Every structure is written in structure tokens, then in C-alpha cells.
N, C-alpha and C. Protein backbone atom coordinates (compact mmCIF):
# COMPACT_ATOMS: atom_id res chain seq x y z
N MET A 1 -36.97 2.46 -2.44
CA MET A 1 -36.08 1.70 -3.87
C MET A 1 -37.91 1.26 -4.14
N LYS A 2 -38.16 1.94 -5.17
CA LYS A 2 -39.60 0.92 -5.57
C LYS A 2 -39.11 -0.24 -6.42
N THR A 3 -39.92 -0.84 -5.97
CA THR A 3 -39.62 -2.12 -6.72
C THR A 3 -41.21 -2.24 -7.74
N THR A 4 -41.12 -3.08 -8.89
CA THR A 4 -41.88 -3.43 -9.99
C THR A 4 -41.92 -4.66 -10.15
N ASN A 5 -43.31 -5.35 -10.42
CA ASN A 5 -43.73 -7.02 -10.28
C ASN A 5 -42.24 -7.33 -11.53
N PRO A 6 -41.65 -8.07 -11.35
CA PRO A 6 -41.05 -8.95 -12.22
C PRO A 6 -41.40 -9.53 -13.31
N SER A 7 -40.52 -8.98 -14.02
CA SER A 7 -41.05 -9.32 -15.32
C SER A 7 -39.86 -10.39 -16.33
N SER A 8 -40.24 -11.40 -17.19
CA SER A 8 -39.43 -12.73 -17.49
C SER A 8 -40.11 -12.43 -18.63
N ARG A 9 -38.98 -13.03 -19.55
CA ARG A 9 -39.16 -13.39 -21.01
C ARG A 9 -39.18 -15.21 -21.26
N ILE A 10 -40.49 -15.08 -21.94
CA ILE A 10 -40.20 -16.99 -22.34
C ILE A 10 -39.79 -16.65 -24.03
N THR A 11 -39.06 -17.51 -24.35
CA THR A 11 -38.77 -18.33 -25.75
C THR A 11 -38.70 -19.01 -25.99
N ILE A 12 -39.58 -19.02 -26.80
CA ILE A 12 -39.38 -20.77 -27.80
C ILE A 12 -38.85 -20.85 -29.25
N SER A 13 -38.03 -21.81 -29.49
CA SER A 13 -37.06 -21.91 -30.07
C SER A 13 -36.76 -23.23 -30.63
N GLN A 14 -36.07 -23.03 -31.57
CA GLN A 14 -35.85 -24.38 -32.60
C GLN A 14 -34.63 -24.51 -33.78
N LYS A 15 -34.36 -25.58 -32.67
CA LYS A 15 -32.59 -25.21 -33.89
C LYS A 15 -31.50 -23.66 -33.92
N GLY A 16 -32.07 -22.74 -32.99
CA GLY A 16 -31.61 -21.30 -33.27
C GLY A 16 -32.00 -20.51 -33.35
N ASN A 17 -34.09 -20.84 -34.66
CA ASN A 17 -34.55 -20.54 -34.70
C ASN A 17 -35.47 -20.02 -33.99
N GLN A 18 -36.36 -18.46 -33.87
CA GLN A 18 -37.29 -18.31 -32.65
C GLN A 18 -38.28 -18.39 -33.40
N ILE A 19 -39.33 -19.52 -32.52
CA ILE A 19 -40.63 -19.59 -32.67
C ILE A 19 -41.87 -18.25 -32.57
N LEU A 20 -41.99 -18.05 -31.04
CA LEU A 20 -41.77 -17.06 -30.09
C LEU A 20 -41.64 -16.67 -28.93
N SER A 21 -41.47 -15.68 -28.72
CA SER A 21 -40.76 -15.04 -27.49
C SER A 21 -42.26 -13.86 -26.68
N CYS A 22 -41.86 -14.10 -25.74
CA CYS A 22 -43.36 -13.20 -25.02
C CYS A 22 -43.18 -12.67 -23.35
N LYS A 23 -43.64 -11.81 -23.02
CA LYS A 23 -43.59 -10.85 -21.97
C LYS A 23 -44.22 -11.26 -20.66
N VAL A 24 -44.03 -12.11 -19.29
CA VAL A 24 -44.87 -12.52 -18.41
C VAL A 24 -44.72 -11.95 -16.84
N TYR A 25 -45.79 -11.02 -16.05
CA TYR A 25 -45.18 -10.77 -15.06
C TYR A 25 -45.56 -12.11 -13.73
N LYS A 26 -44.14 -12.94 -14.37
CA LYS A 26 -43.60 -13.92 -13.30
C LYS A 26 -42.53 -14.26 -12.40
N GLU A 27 -41.98 -14.52 -11.26
CA GLU A 27 -40.51 -14.44 -11.50
C GLU A 27 -39.97 -16.02 -11.86
N PRO A 28 -39.24 -15.84 -12.69
CA PRO A 28 -38.28 -17.15 -13.30
C PRO A 28 -38.20 -17.85 -12.78
N ASN A 29 -38.48 -18.70 -11.06
CA ASN A 29 -38.35 -19.78 -10.64
C ASN A 29 -39.99 -20.65 -11.00
N TYR A 30 -40.50 -19.77 -10.48
CA TYR A 30 -42.35 -19.87 -10.92
C TYR A 30 -42.46 -20.49 -12.23
N ILE A 31 -41.97 -19.60 -12.79
CA ILE A 31 -42.28 -20.42 -14.22
C ILE A 31 -41.51 -21.68 -14.73
N LEU A 32 -39.22 -22.02 -14.15
CA LEU A 32 -39.16 -22.58 -14.08
C LEU A 32 -39.61 -24.48 -13.50
N SER A 33 -40.28 -23.82 -12.59
CA SER A 33 -41.25 -25.21 -11.74
C SER A 33 -42.33 -25.61 -12.36
N MET A 34 -42.66 -24.79 -13.04
CA MET A 34 -43.86 -24.94 -13.98
C MET A 34 -43.41 -26.37 -15.28
N SER A 35 -43.94 -27.45 -15.46
CA SER A 35 -44.15 -28.35 -16.33
C SER A 35 -44.29 -27.76 -18.27
N ASN A 36 -44.23 -28.29 -19.09
CA ASN A 36 -43.60 -27.79 -20.60
C ASN A 36 -45.75 -27.52 -20.69
N GLU A 37 -45.98 -27.72 -20.89
CA GLU A 37 -47.89 -27.75 -20.38
C GLU A 37 -48.54 -26.38 -19.93
N GLU A 38 -48.13 -26.47 -18.85
CA GLU A 38 -48.15 -25.15 -18.47
C GLU A 38 -47.52 -23.59 -18.62
N ILE A 39 -46.65 -24.03 -18.66
CA ILE A 39 -45.90 -22.52 -19.59
C ILE A 39 -46.41 -22.71 -20.88
N LEU A 40 -46.94 -23.44 -21.67
CA LEU A 40 -47.37 -23.21 -23.09
C LEU A 40 -49.18 -22.37 -22.77
N GLU A 41 -49.79 -23.12 -21.66
CA GLU A 41 -51.30 -22.53 -21.24
C GLU A 41 -50.73 -20.89 -20.51
N LEU A 42 -49.98 -20.60 -19.85
CA LEU A 42 -49.90 -19.33 -19.16
C LEU A 42 -49.66 -18.51 -20.65
N ILE A 43 -48.81 -19.63 -21.54
CA ILE A 43 -48.45 -17.82 -22.43
C ILE A 43 -49.19 -17.63 -24.20
N SER A 44 -50.38 -18.88 -24.27
CA SER A 44 -51.03 -18.90 -24.84
C SER A 44 -52.00 -17.41 -24.80
N GLY A 45 -52.08 -17.25 -25.77
CA GLY A 45 -53.12 -15.62 -25.63
C GLY A 45 -52.27 -14.14 -25.54
N LEU A 46 -50.80 -14.13 -25.45
CA LEU A 46 -50.21 -13.57 -24.98
C LEU A 46 -49.64 -12.97 -26.02
N ASP A 47 -49.25 -11.16 -25.80
CA ASP A 47 -48.98 -10.58 -27.14
C ASP A 47 -47.23 -11.19 -27.56
N TYR A 48 -46.92 -11.43 -28.97
CA TYR A 48 -45.86 -12.35 -28.51
C TYR A 48 -45.06 -11.34 -29.57
N ILE A 49 -45.51 -9.18 -28.94
CA ILE A 49 -44.22 -8.98 -29.11
C ILE A 49 -44.10 -8.51 -30.64
N GLY A 50 -45.26 -8.08 -31.30
CA GLY A 50 -45.00 -8.13 -32.72
C GLY A 50 -44.92 -9.08 -33.73
N ASN A 51 -44.34 -10.60 -32.96
CA ASN A 51 -44.55 -11.09 -34.48
C ASN A 51 -45.13 -12.29 -33.45
N LEU A 52 -45.53 -13.26 -35.35
CA LEU A 52 -46.40 -13.88 -35.01
C LEU A 52 -45.52 -15.32 -34.84
N PRO A 53 -46.07 -15.96 -33.88
CA PRO A 53 -45.16 -17.70 -33.92
C PRO A 53 -45.08 -18.19 -35.02
N THR A 54 -44.02 -19.00 -36.01
CA THR A 54 -43.60 -19.26 -36.69
C THR A 54 -43.72 -20.93 -35.85
N VAL A 55 -44.82 -21.83 -37.11
CA VAL A 55 -45.03 -22.99 -36.54
C VAL A 55 -43.87 -23.59 -36.47
N PRO A 56 -43.71 -24.63 -35.78
CA PRO A 56 -42.12 -25.76 -35.37
C PRO A 56 -42.08 -26.88 -36.35
N ASP A 57 -41.47 -27.45 -37.00
CA ASP A 57 -40.47 -28.78 -37.47
C ASP A 57 -41.51 -29.67 -36.49
N LEU A 58 -41.98 -30.79 -36.37
CA LEU A 58 -42.05 -31.35 -35.93
C LEU A 58 -40.84 -32.61 -35.51
N GLY A 59 -39.43 -32.35 -36.21
CA GLY A 59 -38.95 -33.18 -36.82
C GLY A 59 -37.69 -33.29 -35.52
N GLU A 60 -37.48 -32.18 -35.26
CA GLU A 60 -36.21 -31.44 -34.13
C GLU A 60 -37.29 -30.87 -32.46
N PRO A 61 -36.14 -31.09 -31.67
CA PRO A 61 -36.66 -30.71 -30.30
C PRO A 61 -36.80 -28.92 -30.34
N ILE A 62 -37.76 -28.75 -29.09
CA ILE A 62 -37.97 -27.36 -29.25
C ILE A 62 -37.98 -27.10 -27.95
N GLU A 63 -37.18 -25.79 -27.86
CA GLU A 63 -36.26 -25.75 -26.70
C GLU A 63 -37.53 -24.23 -25.61
N ILE A 64 -37.36 -24.64 -24.78
CA ILE A 64 -37.61 -22.76 -24.21
C ILE A 64 -37.26 -22.55 -22.89
N GLN A 65 -36.96 -21.43 -23.34
CA GLN A 65 -35.81 -20.29 -22.70
C GLN A 65 -36.51 -19.54 -21.77
N VAL A 66 -35.87 -18.92 -19.82
CA VAL A 66 -37.18 -18.20 -19.46
C VAL A 66 -35.56 -17.42 -18.97
N SER A 67 -35.38 -16.19 -19.09
CA SER A 67 -35.14 -15.20 -18.92
C SER A 67 -35.22 -14.12 -18.46
N THR A 68 -34.66 -13.11 -17.43
CA THR A 68 -35.03 -11.69 -16.46
C THR A 68 -34.83 -10.59 -16.58
N THR A 69 -35.67 -9.63 -16.54
CA THR A 69 -34.96 -8.31 -16.85
C THR A 69 -35.06 -7.80 -15.04
N ARG A 70 -33.77 -7.00 -15.17
CA ARG A 70 -34.51 -6.18 -13.22
C ARG A 70 -34.01 -4.78 -14.41
N ARG A 71 -34.81 -4.22 -13.82
CA ARG A 71 -35.11 -2.59 -13.38
C ARG A 71 -34.52 -2.28 -12.83
N ILE A 72 -32.69 -1.01 -13.24
CA ILE A 72 -32.73 -0.24 -12.18
C ILE A 72 -32.96 0.93 -11.92
N PRO A 73 -33.69 1.38 -10.64
CA PRO A 73 -34.10 2.92 -10.68
C PRO A 73 -32.97 3.89 -11.29
N LEU A 74 -34.17 5.20 -12.05
CA LEU A 74 -32.58 6.54 -12.11
C LEU A 74 -32.21 6.77 -11.34
N GLU A 75 -32.52 6.77 -10.09
CA GLU A 75 -31.53 7.65 -9.25
C GLU A 75 -30.18 7.00 -8.97
N GLN A 76 -30.70 5.36 -9.55
CA GLN A 76 -28.97 4.01 -9.03
C GLN A 76 -28.44 4.59 -10.57
N ASN A 77 -29.08 5.77 -11.96
CA ASN A 77 -28.60 5.11 -13.15
C ASN A 77 -26.73 5.50 -13.02
N LYS A 78 -26.64 6.98 -12.48
CA LYS A 78 -25.04 6.93 -12.38
C LYS A 78 -24.44 5.83 -11.79
N GLU A 79 -24.54 5.47 -10.30
CA GLU A 79 -23.49 4.70 -10.12
C GLU A 79 -23.59 3.74 -10.93
N VAL A 80 -24.46 2.96 -11.81
CA VAL A 80 -24.33 1.70 -12.40
C VAL A 80 -23.45 2.41 -13.76
N GLN A 81 -23.65 3.48 -14.29
CA GLN A 81 -23.08 3.77 -15.64
C GLN A 81 -21.52 4.03 -14.86
N THR A 82 -21.30 4.19 -13.64
CA THR A 82 -20.03 4.98 -13.16
C THR A 82 -19.17 2.69 -13.63
N LYS A 83 -19.74 2.33 -12.53
CA LYS A 83 -19.53 0.87 -12.75
C LYS A 83 -19.04 0.43 -13.80
N ILE A 84 -20.00 0.60 -14.40
CA ILE A 84 -19.56 -0.47 -15.89
C ILE A 84 -18.97 0.34 -16.99
N LYS A 85 -18.48 1.54 -16.20
CA LYS A 85 -17.47 2.36 -17.39
C LYS A 85 -15.73 1.99 -16.49
N GLU A 86 -16.04 1.63 -15.14
CA GLU A 86 -14.87 1.18 -14.44
C GLU A 86 -14.20 -0.05 -14.52
N ILE A 87 -15.56 -1.08 -14.64
CA ILE A 87 -15.34 -2.25 -15.71
C ILE A 87 -14.92 -2.63 -16.74
N ILE A 88 -15.80 -1.71 -17.62
CA ILE A 88 -14.38 -0.90 -19.16
C ILE A 88 -13.47 -1.39 -19.30
N TYR A 89 -12.49 0.18 -18.29
CA TYR A 89 -11.65 0.71 -17.95
C TYR A 89 -11.02 -0.71 -17.40
N ASN A 90 -11.32 -1.49 -16.44
CA ASN A 90 -10.08 -2.40 -16.24
C ASN A 90 -10.10 -3.45 -17.49
N ASN A 91 -10.93 -4.28 -17.84
CA ASN A 91 -10.51 -4.68 -18.93
C ASN A 91 -9.94 -4.69 -19.98
N LEU A 92 -9.94 -2.92 -20.28
CA LEU A 92 -9.35 -2.40 -21.25
C LEU A 92 -7.52 -2.06 -20.95
N TYR A 93 -7.73 -2.37 -19.77
CA TYR A 93 -6.33 -1.77 -18.69
C TYR A 93 -5.40 -2.96 -18.95
N ASP A 94 -6.30 -4.23 -18.75
CA ASP A 94 -5.10 -5.13 -18.91
C ASP A 94 -5.15 -6.01 -19.81
N THR A 95 -6.00 -5.39 -20.81
CA THR A 95 -5.45 -5.40 -22.25
C THR A 95 -4.67 -5.35 -22.50
N LEU A 96 -4.22 -3.66 -22.53
CA LEU A 96 -3.58 -2.97 -23.11
C LEU A 96 -1.96 -3.18 -22.55
N ILE A 97 -2.32 -3.90 -20.83
CA ILE A 97 -0.40 -3.93 -20.47
C ILE A 97 -0.25 -5.25 -20.63
N ASP A 98 -1.13 -6.28 -21.38
CA ASP A 98 -0.63 -7.34 -21.80
C ASP A 98 0.31 -7.33 -22.99
N GLU A 99 -0.82 -6.57 -23.67
CA GLU A 99 0.07 -6.08 -25.31
C GLU A 99 0.81 -5.73 -24.68
N LEU A 100 0.97 -4.76 -24.33
CA LEU A 100 2.72 -3.49 -23.85
C LEU A 100 3.36 -4.46 -23.39
N LYS A 101 3.35 -5.05 -22.84
CA LYS A 101 4.21 -6.23 -22.41
C LYS A 101 4.89 -7.10 -23.50
N GLY A 102 4.02 -7.48 -24.13
CA GLY A 102 4.06 -8.70 -25.24
C GLY A 102 5.06 -8.36 -26.36
N THR A 103 4.74 -6.49 -26.14
CA THR A 103 5.25 -5.96 -27.22
C THR A 103 6.61 -6.35 -26.83
N ILE A 104 6.82 -5.85 -25.91
CA ILE A 104 8.29 -5.10 -25.26
C ILE A 104 8.94 -6.55 -25.49
N SER A 105 8.37 -7.48 -25.29
CA SER A 105 9.60 -9.15 -25.03
C SER A 105 9.41 -9.51 -26.36
N ARG A 106 9.14 -9.01 -27.79
CA ARG A 106 9.08 -9.18 -28.97
C ARG A 106 10.08 -8.41 -29.25
N PHE A 107 10.40 -6.86 -29.35
CA PHE A 107 11.25 -6.37 -29.48
C PHE A 107 12.31 -6.55 -28.81
N GLN A 108 12.49 -7.20 -27.47
CA GLN A 108 13.67 -7.09 -26.63
C GLN A 108 14.43 -8.60 -27.78
N ALA A 109 12.78 -9.99 -27.68
CA ALA A 109 13.90 -11.21 -28.98
C ALA A 109 14.32 -10.95 -30.21
N GLN A 110 13.73 -10.49 -30.99
CA GLN A 110 14.12 -9.59 -32.29
C GLN A 110 15.65 -8.79 -32.45
N TYR A 111 15.68 -7.88 -31.86
CA TYR A 111 16.76 -6.99 -31.95
C TYR A 111 17.42 -7.61 -30.76
N ASN A 112 17.57 -8.81 -30.07
CA ASN A 112 18.75 -8.26 -28.90
C ASN A 112 18.96 -7.81 -28.12
N ILE A 113 17.80 -6.94 -27.29
CA ILE A 113 18.05 -6.11 -26.75
C ILE A 113 18.22 -6.13 -24.87
N GLN A 114 19.35 -5.87 -24.50
CA GLN A 114 19.92 -6.79 -23.37
C GLN A 114 18.67 -5.59 -21.86
N GLU A 115 18.99 -4.03 -22.30
CA GLU A 115 18.57 -3.47 -21.55
C GLU A 115 17.41 -2.65 -21.89
N ILE A 116 16.64 -2.58 -21.09
CA ILE A 116 15.05 -1.93 -21.76
C ILE A 116 15.28 0.10 -20.48
N ASN A 117 14.57 0.49 -21.87
CA ASN A 117 14.65 2.19 -21.19
C ASN A 117 14.24 1.41 -19.82
N PRO A 118 14.51 2.62 -18.56
CA PRO A 118 14.62 2.20 -16.93
C PRO A 118 12.83 2.97 -16.73
N TYR A 119 11.93 3.49 -17.44
CA TYR A 119 10.79 3.42 -17.45
C TYR A 119 9.83 2.74 -17.81
N LEU A 120 10.06 2.24 -18.74
CA LEU A 120 9.42 1.04 -19.39
C LEU A 120 9.08 -0.07 -18.26
N GLN A 121 10.78 -0.38 -18.25
CA GLN A 121 11.19 -1.18 -17.17
C GLN A 121 9.99 -1.12 -16.11
N GLY A 122 10.02 0.22 -15.60
CA GLY A 122 9.56 0.55 -14.19
C GLY A 122 7.08 0.26 -14.25
N ILE A 123 7.13 0.72 -15.48
CA ILE A 123 5.69 0.20 -16.33
C ILE A 123 5.60 -1.06 -16.02
N LEU A 124 6.36 -2.34 -16.17
CA LEU A 124 5.78 -4.21 -16.73
C LEU A 124 6.25 -4.16 -15.43
N GLN A 125 6.97 -3.74 -14.24
CA GLN A 125 6.65 -4.19 -12.56
C GLN A 125 5.94 -3.67 -11.70
N ASN A 126 5.53 -2.71 -12.77
CA ASN A 126 3.56 -1.66 -11.71
C ASN A 126 2.84 -1.23 -12.83
N PRO A 127 2.46 -2.16 -12.95
CA PRO A 127 1.03 -1.41 -14.06
C PRO A 127 0.42 -0.13 -13.46
N GLU A 128 0.79 -0.68 -12.04
CA GLU A 128 -0.73 -0.07 -11.50
C GLU A 128 0.02 2.34 -11.68
N ASP A 129 0.99 1.85 -12.06
CA ASP A 129 1.30 2.89 -11.39
C ASP A 129 0.40 3.80 -13.42
N LEU A 130 0.92 3.13 -14.70
CA LEU A 130 0.26 3.72 -15.16
C LEU A 130 -1.36 4.38 -15.20
N VAL A 131 -1.94 3.30 -14.28
CA VAL A 131 -3.80 4.03 -13.46
C VAL A 131 -4.05 5.14 -12.46
N SER A 132 -2.26 5.57 -12.27
CA SER A 132 -2.23 6.36 -11.75
C SER A 132 -2.30 8.08 -12.07
N LEU A 133 -1.10 7.62 -12.90
CA LEU A 133 -1.03 8.72 -14.16
C LEU A 133 -2.61 9.01 -14.78
N SER A 134 -2.71 8.34 -15.53
CA SER A 134 -3.98 8.40 -16.07
C SER A 134 -5.34 9.07 -14.82
N GLN A 135 -5.54 8.03 -14.39
CA GLN A 135 -6.79 9.25 -13.41
C GLN A 135 -6.23 10.73 -13.55
N HIS A 136 -4.77 11.23 -12.77
CA HIS A 136 -4.67 12.47 -13.50
C HIS A 136 -4.88 13.88 -14.45
N HIS A 137 -4.63 13.01 -15.40
CA HIS A 137 -5.19 13.66 -16.83
C HIS A 137 -6.46 14.08 -16.67
N LYS A 138 -7.29 13.28 -16.33
CA LYS A 138 -9.21 12.75 -16.53
C LYS A 138 -9.85 14.00 -16.03
N ARG A 139 -9.05 14.35 -14.45
CA ARG A 139 -10.12 15.03 -13.80
C ARG A 139 -9.59 16.51 -14.37
């Protein structure tokens, strides 16, 4: 697996307005251990990603934010894509099950229903059955 130099983004902002943003090839921990003056020295003269810095207002505190980006090698893309789909699916699934339960409860209360269809009752008790049903339809 190839490793690239870590790249971090340093963003300086004030009251939510970005003053400047730039990329540096340093570990975020290395940057965070520097003083404010050292960080400003490090980024002076860098390319500010197509935007000229704006002059800050002296009356408000200025914030320095350090974030990092990790590149995933192409050969891992499929694996990552599958994982992301799984996360989205699980979140959607939980939401849908909660909505289904809520809807059934509301109907039961609204129409004073004592019994519900055994199929629906089964889904409420074992919602994971819905997953296995949907998995079969995908293939």
C-alpha cells in the first residue's frame, strides 16, 4: 500500500468567516504543537487555494483550525464504497423501522385497533427479517 505525505489544511477564520485556507504537508499533531506565531510563519507565502486572504477585523478573536485529509488508495475504493453503502443502509433501515412502528402505533391508537396483522406483528418483533427479505431481492 502506497503512503503519501500527510497533508493538512490550515484554515484561519473569524466569526465563521474564512480569512485564508491553505494546504501543508505536515502531520496535524506537528502543526498543533506549534505556537500561533510558528503556524503563521509556516503558512506565510503559501498558495491560498485560489483565494486571496481577507484582512481580519481586530475587534474579534481569530481562530486557527487544522484538519487533515487521508487518501484511500484506489484498490480500496470498492471496499470503502461497500462500507459506506452499508452505513447508509443501516441508518435508513433503523429510521424506516422506527417510522413503521410509530405509524402502526398511531393507527392502533387512532382507530382503537386491538389486533394487528400477524405479518406486521412479526416485522415489529423481528425487524431484521425485513433485511433478509430485501437482501434476496437485490441479488
